[in-house]
Amino acid sequence: MSNEAFERALDELIEQLVNTEEYMNYKDTFARVKYDAGALESINAIRELNMSVQEMSEEEYERESENIALRMEELLSSTKVSDFIIAEVDFSKLYQYITDRIIQTLDDEDTEDI
């Protein structure tokens, strides 16, 4: 499926990725929460809350927005948890940037042929 040049390029990309500030911060903050059951519980609750908000209608969100904000504030009250969530979002943005660039480059190559 893949050739040696592709594998080398992929290995280089991964090496560059693990040396980014975003990844190192994510890894560091994860190390601080991974054995803390309370922190992990809060992180999972934040993820579940975010998923439920995405599934809400506008009306439902407007009705529940104050409760959502209070719950989120409560879940983020731990510095460990808030630091991890920020690091995770930053790393996710980097991952999304990489994905977007790949897609954009492939799309640009496709339109050059037209």
N, C-alpha and C. Protein backbone atom coordinates (compact mmCIF):
# COMPACT_ATOMS: atom_id res chain seq x y z
N MET A 1 0.82 -1.20 0.00
CA MET A 1 0.00 0.00 0.00
C MET A 1 0.86 1.26 0.00
N SER A 2 1.89 1.30 0.85
CA SER A 2 2.72 2.49 0.88
C SER A 2 4.15 2.13 0.57
N ASN A 3 4.86 3.13 0.08
CA ASN A 3 6.25 2.87 -0.25
C ASN A 3 7.18 3.46 0.82
N GLU A 4 8.45 3.20 0.67
CA GLU A 4 9.43 3.64 1.68
C GLU A 4 9.47 5.16 1.83
N ALA A 5 9.38 5.88 0.73
CA ALA A 5 9.42 7.34 0.79
C ALA A 5 8.24 7.89 1.58
N PHE A 6 7.07 7.29 1.35
CA PHE A 6 5.88 7.70 2.10
C PHE A 6 6.06 7.42 3.59
N GLU A 7 6.54 6.25 3.92
CA GLU A 7 6.77 5.88 5.33
C GLU A 7 7.75 6.84 6.00
N ARG A 8 8.83 7.20 5.29
CA ARG A 8 9.82 8.15 5.85
C ARG A 8 9.17 9.51 6.07
N ALA A 9 8.38 9.96 5.10
CA ALA A 9 7.71 11.25 5.23
C ALA A 9 6.73 11.23 6.40
N LEU A 10 6.01 10.14 6.54
CA LEU A 10 5.06 10.01 7.65
C LEU A 10 5.79 9.98 8.99
N ASP A 11 6.89 9.25 9.06
CA ASP A 11 7.70 9.21 10.29
C ASP A 11 8.22 10.60 10.64
N GLU A 12 8.64 11.35 9.62
CA GLU A 12 9.14 12.71 9.85
C GLU A 12 8.03 13.63 10.34
N LEU A 13 6.84 13.49 9.76
CA LEU A 13 5.70 14.29 10.20
C LEU A 13 5.39 14.00 11.67
N ILE A 14 5.37 12.73 12.03
CA ILE A 14 5.09 12.35 13.41
C ILE A 14 6.17 12.88 14.35
N GLU A 15 7.42 12.80 13.93
CA GLU A 15 8.51 13.32 14.75
C GLU A 15 8.35 14.83 14.96
N GLN A 16 7.97 15.53 13.92
CA GLN A 16 7.74 16.97 14.04
C GLN A 16 6.54 17.25 14.95
N LEU A 17 5.50 16.46 14.80
CA LEU A 17 4.28 16.63 15.59
C LEU A 17 4.55 16.46 17.09
N VAL A 18 5.30 15.42 17.46
CA VAL A 18 5.54 15.18 18.88
C VAL A 18 6.49 16.22 19.49
N ASN A 19 7.11 17.02 18.65
CA ASN A 19 7.99 18.07 19.14
C ASN A 19 7.32 19.44 19.17
N THR A 20 6.01 19.48 18.86
CA THR A 20 5.31 20.76 18.91
C THR A 20 4.98 21.13 20.34
N GLU A 21 4.84 22.40 20.57
CA GLU A 21 4.46 22.89 21.90
C GLU A 21 3.08 22.34 22.29
N GLU A 22 2.18 22.26 21.31
CA GLU A 22 0.83 21.78 21.59
C GLU A 22 0.85 20.34 22.08
N TYR A 23 1.60 19.48 21.41
CA TYR A 23 1.64 18.08 21.83
C TYR A 23 2.34 17.92 23.18
N MET A 24 3.46 18.61 23.35
CA MET A 24 4.19 18.47 24.61
C MET A 24 3.35 18.96 25.79
N ASN A 25 2.60 20.04 25.58
CA ASN A 25 1.72 20.54 26.64
C ASN A 25 0.58 19.55 26.90
N TYR A 26 0.01 18.99 25.84
CA TYR A 26 -1.05 17.98 25.99
C TYR A 26 -0.53 16.79 26.78
N LYS A 27 0.64 16.29 26.39
CA LYS A 27 1.22 15.13 27.06
C LYS A 27 1.50 15.43 28.54
N ASP A 28 2.03 16.61 28.82
CA ASP A 28 2.34 17.02 30.19
C ASP A 28 1.08 17.13 31.04
N THR A 29 0.06 17.78 30.50
CA THR A 29 -1.17 17.94 31.29
C THR A 29 -1.90 16.61 31.45
N PHE A 30 -1.81 15.73 30.44
CA PHE A 30 -2.42 14.41 30.58
C PHE A 30 -1.73 13.62 31.69
N ALA A 31 -0.42 13.73 31.76
CA ALA A 31 0.33 13.01 32.82
C ALA A 31 -0.14 13.45 34.21
N ARG A 32 -0.59 14.71 34.33
CA ARG A 32 -1.04 15.21 35.62
C ARG A 32 -2.44 14.75 36.00
N VAL A 33 -3.23 14.34 35.01
CA VAL A 33 -4.62 13.93 35.31
C VAL A 33 -4.87 12.44 35.20
N LYS A 34 -3.99 11.70 34.53
CA LYS A 34 -4.33 10.32 34.18
C LYS A 34 -4.54 9.38 35.36
N TYR A 35 -3.97 9.69 36.52
CA TYR A 35 -4.18 8.84 37.70
C TYR A 35 -5.08 9.50 38.74
N ASP A 36 -5.73 10.57 38.35
CA ASP A 36 -6.62 11.31 39.25
C ASP A 36 -8.06 11.01 38.82
N ALA A 37 -8.70 10.10 39.53
CA ALA A 37 -10.05 9.66 39.16
C ALA A 37 -11.04 10.82 39.11
N GLY A 38 -10.93 11.74 40.05
CA GLY A 38 -11.83 12.90 40.07
C GLY A 38 -11.64 13.79 38.85
N ALA A 39 -10.39 14.02 38.48
CA ALA A 39 -10.10 14.84 37.30
C ALA A 39 -10.61 14.16 36.04
N LEU A 40 -10.37 12.87 35.92
CA LEU A 40 -10.84 12.13 34.74
C LEU A 40 -12.36 12.12 34.66
N GLU A 41 -12.99 12.03 35.80
CA GLU A 41 -14.46 12.07 35.84
C GLU A 41 -14.95 13.43 35.34
N SER A 42 -14.31 14.50 35.78
CA SER A 42 -14.68 15.85 35.33
C SER A 42 -14.45 16.01 33.83
N ILE A 43 -13.32 15.52 33.34
CA ILE A 43 -13.00 15.61 31.91
C ILE A 43 -14.05 14.87 31.09
N ASN A 44 -14.42 13.68 31.51
CA ASN A 44 -15.45 12.92 30.80
C ASN A 44 -16.80 13.62 30.87
N ALA A 45 -17.10 14.23 32.00
CA ALA A 45 -18.36 14.97 32.13
C ALA A 45 -18.38 16.18 31.19
N ILE A 46 -17.24 16.85 31.04
CA ILE A 46 -17.15 17.99 30.12
C ILE A 46 -17.40 17.52 28.70
N ARG A 47 -16.79 16.41 28.33
CA ARG A 47 -16.99 15.86 26.98
C ARG A 47 -18.45 15.50 26.74
N GLU A 48 -19.07 14.87 27.73
CA GLU A 48 -20.48 14.50 27.60
C GLU A 48 -21.36 15.74 27.50
N LEU A 49 -21.05 16.75 28.30
CA LEU A 49 -21.82 18.00 28.25
C LEU A 49 -21.67 18.66 26.88
N ASN A 50 -20.47 18.69 26.35
CA ASN A 50 -20.26 19.27 25.02
C ASN A 50 -21.05 18.51 23.96
N MET A 51 -21.06 17.19 24.05
CA MET A 51 -21.83 16.39 23.08
C MET A 51 -23.32 16.68 23.20
N SER A 52 -23.81 16.78 24.42
CA SER A 52 -25.24 17.04 24.59
C SER A 52 -25.61 18.43 24.08
N VAL A 53 -24.73 19.41 24.27
CA VAL A 53 -24.98 20.76 23.77
C VAL A 53 -25.05 20.75 22.25
N GLN A 54 -24.19 19.99 21.60
CA GLN A 54 -24.19 19.91 20.14
C GLN A 54 -25.48 19.30 19.60
N GLU A 55 -26.13 18.48 20.40
CA GLU A 55 -27.35 17.82 19.95
C GLU A 55 -28.61 18.61 20.29
N MET A 56 -28.46 19.71 21.04
CA MET A 56 -29.61 20.51 21.46
C MET A 56 -30.10 21.41 20.32
N SER A 57 -31.40 21.64 20.35
CA SER A 57 -31.96 22.65 19.45
C SER A 57 -31.59 24.02 20.00
N GLU A 58 -31.76 25.06 19.18
CA GLU A 58 -31.46 26.42 19.63
C GLU A 58 -32.31 26.79 20.84
N GLU A 59 -33.58 26.44 20.77
CA GLU A 59 -34.50 26.76 21.87
C GLU A 59 -34.07 26.07 23.16
N GLU A 60 -33.73 24.79 23.04
CA GLU A 60 -33.30 24.03 24.21
C GLU A 60 -32.02 24.62 24.79
N TYR A 61 -31.09 25.00 23.91
CA TYR A 61 -29.84 25.59 24.39
C TYR A 61 -30.10 26.91 25.11
N GLU A 62 -30.95 27.75 24.54
CA GLU A 62 -31.27 29.04 25.18
C GLU A 62 -31.90 28.81 26.55
N ARG A 63 -32.75 27.81 26.65
CA ARG A 63 -33.43 27.50 27.91
C ARG A 63 -32.42 26.97 28.95
N GLU A 64 -31.44 26.20 28.50
CA GLU A 64 -30.50 25.54 29.40
C GLU A 64 -29.14 26.23 29.53
N SER A 65 -28.92 27.31 28.80
CA SER A 65 -27.58 27.91 28.73
C SER A 65 -27.03 28.31 30.10
N GLU A 66 -27.85 28.84 30.97
CA GLU A 66 -27.36 29.23 32.30
C GLU A 66 -26.92 28.00 33.10
N ASN A 67 -27.72 26.94 33.06
CA ASN A 67 -27.36 25.70 33.76
C ASN A 67 -26.09 25.09 33.17
N ILE A 68 -25.97 25.15 31.85
CA ILE A 68 -24.78 24.61 31.18
C ILE A 68 -23.55 25.38 31.62
N ALA A 69 -23.64 26.69 31.63
CA ALA A 69 -22.51 27.54 32.03
C ALA A 69 -22.11 27.25 33.48
N LEU A 70 -23.08 27.11 34.36
CA LEU A 70 -22.78 26.82 35.77
C LEU A 70 -22.12 25.45 35.92
N ARG A 71 -22.64 24.47 35.20
CA ARG A 71 -22.05 23.12 35.27
C ARG A 71 -20.63 23.12 34.73
N MET A 72 -20.41 23.82 33.62
CA MET A 72 -19.08 23.88 33.03
C MET A 72 -18.11 24.58 33.98
N GLU A 73 -18.56 25.64 34.60
CA GLU A 73 -17.71 26.36 35.57
C GLU A 73 -17.34 25.43 36.73
N GLU A 74 -18.29 24.66 37.19
CA GLU A 74 -18.04 23.71 38.27
C GLU A 74 -17.02 22.65 37.84
N LEU A 75 -17.20 22.11 36.64
CA LEU A 75 -16.30 21.06 36.15
C LEU A 75 -14.88 21.57 35.89
N LEU A 76 -14.77 22.85 35.54
CA LEU A 76 -13.47 23.43 35.24
C LEU A 76 -12.82 24.11 36.45
N SER A 77 -13.40 23.93 37.62
CA SER A 77 -12.87 24.60 38.80
C SER A 77 -11.48 24.09 39.20
N SER A 78 -11.15 22.88 38.82
CA SER A 78 -9.83 22.33 39.08
C SER A 78 -8.85 22.83 38.02
N THR A 79 -7.74 23.39 38.45
CA THR A 79 -6.72 23.86 37.52
C THR A 79 -6.20 22.73 36.65
N LYS A 80 -6.04 21.55 37.25
CA LYS A 80 -5.57 20.39 36.48
C LYS A 80 -6.51 20.09 35.32
N VAL A 81 -7.79 20.12 35.61
CA VAL A 81 -8.79 19.81 34.59
C VAL A 81 -8.82 20.91 33.53
N SER A 82 -8.86 22.15 33.94
CA SER A 82 -8.93 23.24 32.96
C SER A 82 -7.67 23.30 32.11
N ASP A 83 -6.50 23.08 32.71
CA ASP A 83 -5.25 23.06 31.94
C ASP A 83 -5.28 21.94 30.90
N PHE A 84 -5.78 20.77 31.30
CA PHE A 84 -5.84 19.65 30.36
C PHE A 84 -6.80 19.95 29.21
N ILE A 85 -7.97 20.47 29.52
CA ILE A 85 -8.96 20.76 28.47
C ILE A 85 -8.40 21.79 27.49
N ILE A 86 -7.74 22.81 27.98
CA ILE A 86 -7.13 23.82 27.10
C ILE A 86 -6.06 23.17 26.22
N ALA A 87 -5.22 22.33 26.82
CA ALA A 87 -4.16 21.65 26.06
C ALA A 87 -4.77 20.73 25.01
N GLU A 88 -5.83 20.03 25.38
CA GLU A 88 -6.49 19.11 24.44
C GLU A 88 -7.09 19.88 23.27
N VAL A 89 -7.72 21.00 23.55
CA VAL A 89 -8.29 21.82 22.47
C VAL A 89 -7.19 22.35 21.56
N ASP A 90 -6.10 22.84 22.14
CA ASP A 90 -4.98 23.34 21.33
C ASP A 90 -4.40 22.25 20.44
N PHE A 91 -4.23 21.04 21.00
CA PHE A 91 -3.71 19.94 20.20
C PHE A 91 -4.71 19.55 19.11
N SER A 92 -5.98 19.56 19.43
CA SER A 92 -7.02 19.24 18.44
C SER A 92 -7.00 20.26 17.30
N LYS A 93 -6.78 21.52 17.63
CA LYS A 93 -6.70 22.56 16.58
C LYS A 93 -5.50 22.30 15.67
N LEU A 94 -4.37 21.89 16.24
CA LEU A 94 -3.19 21.57 15.44
C LEU A 94 -3.50 20.39 14.52
N TYR A 95 -4.11 19.36 15.06
CA TYR A 95 -4.50 18.18 14.28
C TYR A 95 -5.44 18.58 13.15
N GLN A 96 -6.41 19.45 13.46
CA GLN A 96 -7.36 19.91 12.44
C GLN A 96 -6.64 20.72 11.37
N TYR A 97 -5.68 21.55 11.76
CA TYR A 97 -4.90 22.33 10.81
C TYR A 97 -4.17 21.41 9.83
N ILE A 98 -3.55 20.36 10.36
CA ILE A 98 -2.82 19.40 9.51
C ILE A 98 -3.79 18.73 8.54
N THR A 99 -4.92 18.28 9.04
CA THR A 99 -5.92 17.63 8.20
C THR A 99 -6.43 18.59 7.12
N ASP A 100 -6.73 19.82 7.51
CA ASP A 100 -7.22 20.82 6.55
C ASP A 100 -6.19 21.09 5.46
N ARG A 101 -4.92 21.20 5.84
CA ARG A 101 -3.86 21.45 4.85
C ARG A 101 -3.74 20.29 3.86
N ILE A 102 -3.83 19.06 4.35
CA ILE A 102 -3.75 17.90 3.47
C ILE A 102 -4.92 17.93 2.49
N ILE A 103 -6.11 18.14 3.00
CA ILE A 103 -7.30 18.17 2.14
C ILE A 103 -7.22 19.31 1.15
N GLN A 104 -6.80 20.49 1.61
CA GLN A 104 -6.68 21.65 0.72
C GLN A 104 -5.67 21.37 -0.39
N THR A 105 -4.53 20.79 -0.05
CA THR A 105 -3.51 20.48 -1.05
C THR A 105 -4.02 19.47 -2.06
N LEU A 106 -4.70 18.44 -1.60
CA LEU A 106 -5.24 17.44 -2.51
C LEU A 106 -6.32 18.04 -3.39
N ASP A 107 -7.17 18.89 -2.82
CA ASP A 107 -8.22 19.56 -3.61
C ASP A 107 -7.60 20.48 -4.64
N ASP A 108 -6.54 21.21 -4.27
CA ASP A 108 -5.87 22.12 -5.21
C ASP A 108 -5.27 21.34 -6.36
N GLU A 109 -4.68 20.18 -6.08
CA GLU A 109 -4.10 19.34 -7.14
C GLU A 109 -5.19 18.83 -8.07
N ASP A 110 -6.35 18.48 -7.51
CA ASP A 110 -7.45 17.99 -8.34
C ASP A 110 -7.95 19.08 -9.29
N THR A 111 -8.03 20.31 -8.81
CA THR A 111 -8.58 21.40 -9.65
C THR A 111 -7.58 21.84 -10.70
N GLU A 112 -6.29 21.57 -10.49
CA GLU A 112 -5.28 21.91 -11.50
C GLU A 112 -5.46 21.07 -12.75
N ASP A 113 -5.98 19.88 -12.60
CA ASP A 113 -6.17 18.97 -13.73
C ASP A 113 -7.39 19.32 -14.57
N ILE A 114 -8.25 20.17 -14.05
CA ILE A 114 -9.50 20.49 -14.76
C ILE A 114 -9.27 21.56 -15.80
